[in-house]
Amino acid sequence: MNYPSIKKMPFDEYLARPEMHKSRLFLLDKGVEHFLSDEPVKVTPDMILGSLAHQMFLEPADFVNGKIVEPDINKKTKAGKAAYADFLKAHKGKEIVSRSHHEKLLAMSDSMRSGRYKIAMSLLTDCEPEMSIFLEWEGISWKVRPDGLNEKKKIVTEYKTAASIPSFPNQVFRLGYDVQAALYLEAVEAYFGEEFSFIWVVQEKAPPYAVAVLDASLGNPSPLEIGQARLNNLIEKYKSLKAVDFKLPDGRFINDRIKALKVPKRAEYL
């Protein structure tokens, strides 16, 4: 069965759609209050860099046409403020990229395109980028938007930036990339009716801007297996909470109770 999909859907339009997605569902991992909160996500400089690098590799034309590097202007002076205002007026509608981010992006691009990472480059260029897929699964309406899809080779690719390659595994489970992999494969395989592989292309955000290509299905257990179990758990949690409207039968909020402290493994000495 084919589910609806839209190629080149504007990201703002995708975000505005009401379907459940990984980032929202994963908030249940933090707690019901986080899931129900409508507070906007605090955007950090690292998140901005990752988003820019993502577009630079997967949507290069949009990156070039939609971005402009911030000029070297002293905005504290009257003349500088006027010059910057003229700059903004001349480039209305374009996203301003800081000079520091621009320098780092150039270095990341040079590293990725150096010839040392041919597999990574082929995964990022030989694909359909940012295809939005919508489906009904487990009684829930979902939306997913893989970074790259290669229908011929049956590969889903996600580009991620990391402080370092060795630290990436912690990032996977802390931020739920494993859950994302399981959900994306569920959607993509339902859409195409065939099995796919899920690959991370990971690049460091600091010199030497090294790159690694990682298969989510490898390992025992694999990140994909762990992600599937975590996804199933989150779905069941969502269903059970939604069934009582996130409140207990007596009307109290679901977390309005006394609970035990979960002891971290590093503290388990007894």
Protein backbone atom coordinates (compact mmCIF):
# COMPACT_ATOMS: atom_id res chain seq x y z
CA MET A 1 0.00 0.00 0.00
CA ASN A 2 1.37 3.39 -0.99
CA TYR A 3 1.10 6.26 1.46
CA PRO A 4 1.06 9.95 0.50
CA SER A 5 4.43 11.60 -0.08
CA ILE A 6 5.54 15.04 -1.17
CA LYS A 7 8.91 15.88 -2.72
CA LYS A 8 10.45 19.30 -2.11
CA MET A 9 7.82 20.21 0.47
CA PRO A 10 8.86 23.46 2.22
CA PHE A 11 10.19 22.60 5.67
CA ASP A 12 8.00 25.21 7.39
CA GLU A 13 4.95 23.65 5.76
CA TYR A 14 6.07 20.18 6.90
CA LEU A 15 6.58 21.40 10.47
CA ALA A 16 3.13 22.97 10.55
CA ARG A 17 1.37 19.70 9.75
CA PRO A 18 -0.34 18.04 12.73
CA GLU A 19 0.89 14.45 12.37
CA MET A 20 2.96 12.79 15.08
CA HIS A 21 6.71 12.75 14.45
CA LYS A 22 9.79 11.37 16.17
CA SER A 23 10.86 14.56 17.92
CA ARG A 24 7.45 15.05 19.49
CA LEU A 25 6.96 11.41 20.51
CA PHE A 26 10.47 11.30 22.00
CA LEU A 27 9.50 14.07 24.43
CA LEU A 28 7.64 11.35 26.36
CA ASP A 29 11.09 10.00 27.23
CA LYS A 30 11.59 13.17 29.30
CA GLY A 31 8.09 13.15 30.76
CA VAL A 32 4.46 13.94 30.06
CA GLU A 33 4.95 17.63 30.90
CA HIS A 34 7.55 17.96 28.14
CA PHE A 35 5.27 16.17 25.68
CA LEU A 36 2.34 18.47 26.45
CA SER A 37 4.43 21.64 26.55
CA ASP A 38 4.21 24.01 23.58
CA GLU A 39 7.40 25.85 24.48
CA PRO A 40 9.63 26.34 21.43
CA VAL A 41 12.90 24.44 21.22
CA LYS A 42 15.86 26.58 22.22
CA VAL A 43 18.08 26.78 19.14
CA THR A 44 21.80 26.57 19.91
CA PRO A 45 24.75 27.60 17.69
CA ASP A 46 25.60 23.89 17.25
CA MET A 47 22.07 23.19 16.04
CA ILE A 48 22.32 26.07 13.55
CA LEU A 49 25.65 24.75 12.27
CA GLY A 50 24.25 21.23 11.89
CA SER A 51 21.23 22.52 9.98
CA LEU A 52 23.42 24.60 7.66
CA ALA A 53 25.80 21.69 6.99
CA HIS A 54 22.81 19.43 6.35
CA GLN A 55 21.46 21.77 3.66
CA MET A 56 24.92 22.42 2.22
CA PHE A 57 25.37 18.74 1.37
CA LEU A 58 21.79 17.60 0.67
CA GLU A 59 20.28 20.72 -0.92
CA PRO A 60 23.26 22.66 -2.29
CA ALA A 61 21.23 24.79 -4.72
CA ASP A 62 18.87 25.96 -1.98
CA PHE A 63 21.85 26.57 0.28
CA VAL A 64 23.61 28.78 -2.26
CA ASN A 65 20.46 30.67 -3.30
CA GLY A 66 18.93 31.07 0.14
CA LYS A 67 21.94 32.06 2.27
CA ILE A 68 24.22 35.08 2.50
CA VAL A 69 27.34 35.48 4.62
CA GLU A 70 27.24 38.22 7.23
CA PRO A 71 29.51 41.13 6.22
CA ASP A 72 32.44 42.27 8.33
CA ILE A 73 30.71 45.37 9.69
CA ASN A 74 31.01 46.97 13.11
CA LYS A 75 27.32 47.14 14.06
CA LYS A 76 28.06 49.15 17.21
CA THR A 77 28.80 52.33 15.27
CA LYS A 78 26.22 54.56 13.62
CA ALA A 79 27.80 54.05 10.21
CA GLY A 80 27.99 50.31 10.81
CA LYS A 81 24.34 50.10 11.80
CA ALA A 82 23.35 51.97 8.66
CA ALA A 83 25.55 49.77 6.47
CA TYR A 84 24.11 46.62 8.04
CA ALA A 85 20.56 47.86 7.52
CA ASP A 86 21.39 48.42 3.83
CA PHE A 87 22.85 44.90 3.68
CA LEU A 88 19.66 43.37 5.13
CA LYS A 89 17.52 45.36 2.72
CA ALA A 90 19.61 44.25 -0.25
CA HIS A 91 19.34 40.58 0.75
CA LYS A 92 15.80 40.50 2.07
CA GLY A 93 14.46 36.95 2.40
CA LYS A 94 17.87 35.32 2.69
CA GLU A 95 19.17 33.60 5.82
CA ILE A 96 22.21 35.31 7.32
CA VAL A 97 25.14 32.98 7.98
CA SER A 98 27.67 34.15 10.56
CA ARG A 99 31.27 34.45 9.41
CA SER A 100 32.40 31.89 11.99
CA HIS A 101 29.84 29.37 10.80
CA HIS A 102 30.73 30.08 7.17
CA GLU A 103 34.42 29.38 7.81
CA LYS A 104 33.58 26.12 9.58
CA LEU A 105 31.19 25.07 6.82
CA LEU A 106 33.89 25.62 4.20
CA ALA A 107 36.27 23.43 6.21
CA MET A 108 33.62 20.72 6.63
CA SER A 109 32.89 20.80 2.92
CA ASP A 110 36.59 20.59 2.04
CA SER A 111 36.98 17.56 4.29
CA MET A 112 33.88 15.77 2.98
CA ARG A 113 34.88 16.42 -0.65
CA SER A 114 38.57 15.64 -0.18
CA GLY A 115 38.28 12.21 -1.77
CA ARG A 116 38.76 10.39 1.54
CA TYR A 117 35.02 9.89 2.02
CA LYS A 118 33.66 8.71 -1.33
CA ILE A 119 30.98 6.46 0.19
CA ALA A 120 29.66 9.29 2.38
CA MET A 121 29.56 11.71 -0.55
CA SER A 122 27.73 9.22 -2.77
CA LEU A 123 25.13 8.66 -0.04
CA LEU A 124 24.53 12.41 0.28
CA THR A 125 24.40 13.16 -3.45
CA ASP A 126 22.85 10.04 -5.01
CA CYS A 127 19.47 10.31 -3.29
CA GLU A 128 16.12 12.05 -3.19
CA PRO A 129 16.58 14.63 -0.42
CA GLU A 130 13.94 15.62 2.13
CA MET A 131 10.99 13.59 0.84
CA SER A 132 8.06 13.96 3.24
CA ILE A 133 6.07 10.75 3.82
CA PHE A 134 2.75 10.49 5.67
CA LEU A 135 1.19 7.30 6.99
CA GLU A 136 -1.23 5.70 9.43
CA TRP A 137 0.43 3.16 11.70
CA GLU A 138 -0.50 1.75 15.09
CA GLY A 139 -3.65 3.88 14.97
CA ILE A 140 -1.55 7.07 14.80
CA SER A 141 -1.02 9.54 11.95
CA TRP A 142 2.72 10.02 11.34
CA LYS A 143 5.01 12.22 9.28
CA VAL A 144 8.67 11.50 8.49
CA ARG A 145 11.23 13.34 6.39
CA PRO A 146 14.42 11.35 5.75
CA ASP A 147 17.49 13.35 4.75
CA GLY A 148 18.12 11.10 1.75
CA LEU A 149 16.32 8.22 0.01
CA ASN A 150 17.88 5.98 -2.60
CA GLU A 151 15.07 3.82 -3.97
CA LYS A 152 17.35 1.84 -6.31
CA LYS A 153 19.88 0.88 -3.62
CA LYS A 154 17.21 0.70 -0.88
CA ILE A 155 19.03 3.06 1.50
CA VAL A 156 17.77 5.70 3.93
CA THR A 157 20.51 8.20 4.81
CA GLU A 158 20.66 10.63 7.72
CA TYR A 159 23.44 13.22 7.95
CA LYS A 160 24.44 14.09 11.52
CA THR A 161 27.14 16.29 13.03
CA ALA A 162 28.92 15.33 16.24
CA ALA A 163 31.57 16.65 18.60
CA SER A 164 33.61 13.57 17.68
CA ILE A 165 33.07 10.21 15.99
CA PRO A 166 33.78 8.26 19.24
CA SER A 167 31.13 10.32 21.09
CA PHE A 168 28.44 9.71 18.47
CA PRO A 169 27.05 6.47 20.00
CA ASN A 170 26.15 8.36 23.19
CA GLN A 171 24.50 11.02 21.02
CA VAL A 172 22.45 8.36 19.21
CA PHE A 173 20.78 7.04 22.35
CA ARG A 174 20.62 10.36 24.21
CA LEU A 175 18.82 12.14 21.36
CA GLY A 176 16.84 9.16 20.10
CA TYR A 177 18.48 8.76 16.71
CA ASP A 178 17.87 5.01 17.12
CA VAL A 179 14.15 5.66 17.56
CA GLN A 180 14.22 7.87 14.47
CA ALA A 181 15.88 5.10 12.46
CA ALA A 182 13.21 2.57 13.45
CA LEU A 183 10.35 4.97 12.68
CA TYR A 184 11.80 6.12 9.36
CA LEU A 185 12.33 2.56 8.16
CA GLU A 186 8.77 1.65 9.17
CA ALA A 187 7.45 4.52 7.04
CA VAL A 188 9.79 4.10 4.07
CA GLU A 189 9.30 0.34 3.87
CA ALA A 190 5.53 0.77 4.09
CA TYR A 191 5.68 3.36 1.32
CA PHE A 192 7.85 1.37 -1.10
CA GLY A 193 6.78 -2.13 0.01
CA GLU A 194 10.44 -3.24 0.23
CA GLU A 195 13.16 -3.53 2.87
CA PHE A 196 15.66 -0.68 3.24
CA SER A 197 18.94 -0.12 5.08
CA PHE A 198 19.45 2.84 7.40
CA ILE A 199 22.83 4.63 7.27
CA TRP A 200 24.21 7.52 9.31
CA VAL A 201 26.76 9.81 7.69
CA VAL A 202 28.43 11.46 10.67
CA GLN A 203 30.81 14.42 10.50
CA GLU A 204 32.79 16.04 13.28
CA LYS A 205 32.20 19.75 13.92
CA ALA A 206 35.86 20.45 14.71
CA PRO A 207 39.18 19.80 12.93
CA PRO A 208 39.93 17.51 11.20
CA TYR A 209 36.16 17.31 10.45
CA ALA A 210 36.40 13.55 10.10
CA VAL A 211 33.54 11.53 8.59
CA ALA A 212 32.17 8.07 9.41
CA VAL A 213 29.52 5.96 7.67
CA LEU A 214 27.57 3.81 10.14
CA ASP A 215 24.96 1.11 9.47
CA ALA A 216 22.19 1.14 12.09
CA SER A 217 21.48 -2.58 11.58
CA LEU A 218 24.97 -3.76 12.58
CA GLY A 219 25.85 -4.88 16.11
CA ASN A 220 24.39 -7.29 18.63
CA PRO A 221 22.06 -5.81 19.62
CA SER A 222 22.04 -3.26 16.83
CA PRO A 223 21.01 0.39 17.29
CA LEU A 224 18.04 -0.39 15.06
CA GLU A 225 16.86 -3.22 17.33
CA ILE A 226 17.20 -1.01 20.39
CA GLY A 227 15.46 1.82 18.57
CA GLN A 228 12.55 -0.42 17.58
CA ALA A 229 12.08 -1.52 21.19
CA ARG A 230 12.23 2.08 22.43
CA LEU A 231 9.82 3.20 19.69
CA ASN A 232 7.34 0.46 20.61
CA ASN A 233 7.58 1.45 24.27
CA LEU A 234 6.97 5.14 23.49
CA ILE A 235 3.99 4.30 21.29
CA GLU A 236 2.43 2.15 24.02
CA LYS A 237 3.10 4.88 26.56
CA TYR A 238 1.46 7.46 24.32
CA LYS A 239 -1.59 5.25 23.74
CA SER A 240 -2.05 4.45 27.43
CA LEU A 241 -1.73 8.09 28.47
CA LYS A 242 -3.95 9.37 25.68
CA ALA A 243 -6.63 6.85 26.65
CA VAL A 244 -7.08 8.67 29.97
CA ASP A 245 -6.38 12.11 28.50
CA PHE A 246 -3.03 12.25 30.31
CA LYS A 247 -4.83 12.16 33.66
CA LEU A 248 -5.58 9.43 36.18
CA PRO A 249 -9.16 8.13 36.42
CA ASP A 250 -9.73 10.29 39.51
CA GLY A 251 -8.87 13.43 37.53
CA ARG A 252 -5.36 14.01 38.91
CA PHE A 253 -2.54 14.74 36.49
CA ILE A 254 -0.67 11.57 35.52
CA ASN A 255 2.57 12.60 37.28
CA ASP A 256 0.87 13.90 40.42
CA ARG A 257 2.11 11.01 42.58
CA ILE A 258 5.10 9.92 44.66
CA LYS A 259 7.62 7.82 42.77
CA ALA A 260 10.95 6.10 43.42
CA LEU A 261 14.23 7.60 42.28
CA LYS A 262 15.79 5.63 39.44
CA VAL A 263 19.36 4.90 40.52
CA PRO A 264 21.91 5.40 37.69
CA LYS A 265 24.16 2.45 36.91
CA ARG A 266 27.30 4.34 37.97
CA ALA A 267 25.82 4.52 41.48
CA GLU A 268 24.96 0.81 41.77
CA TYR A 269 27.62 -0.27 44.27
CA LEU A 270 25.52 -2.66 46.41
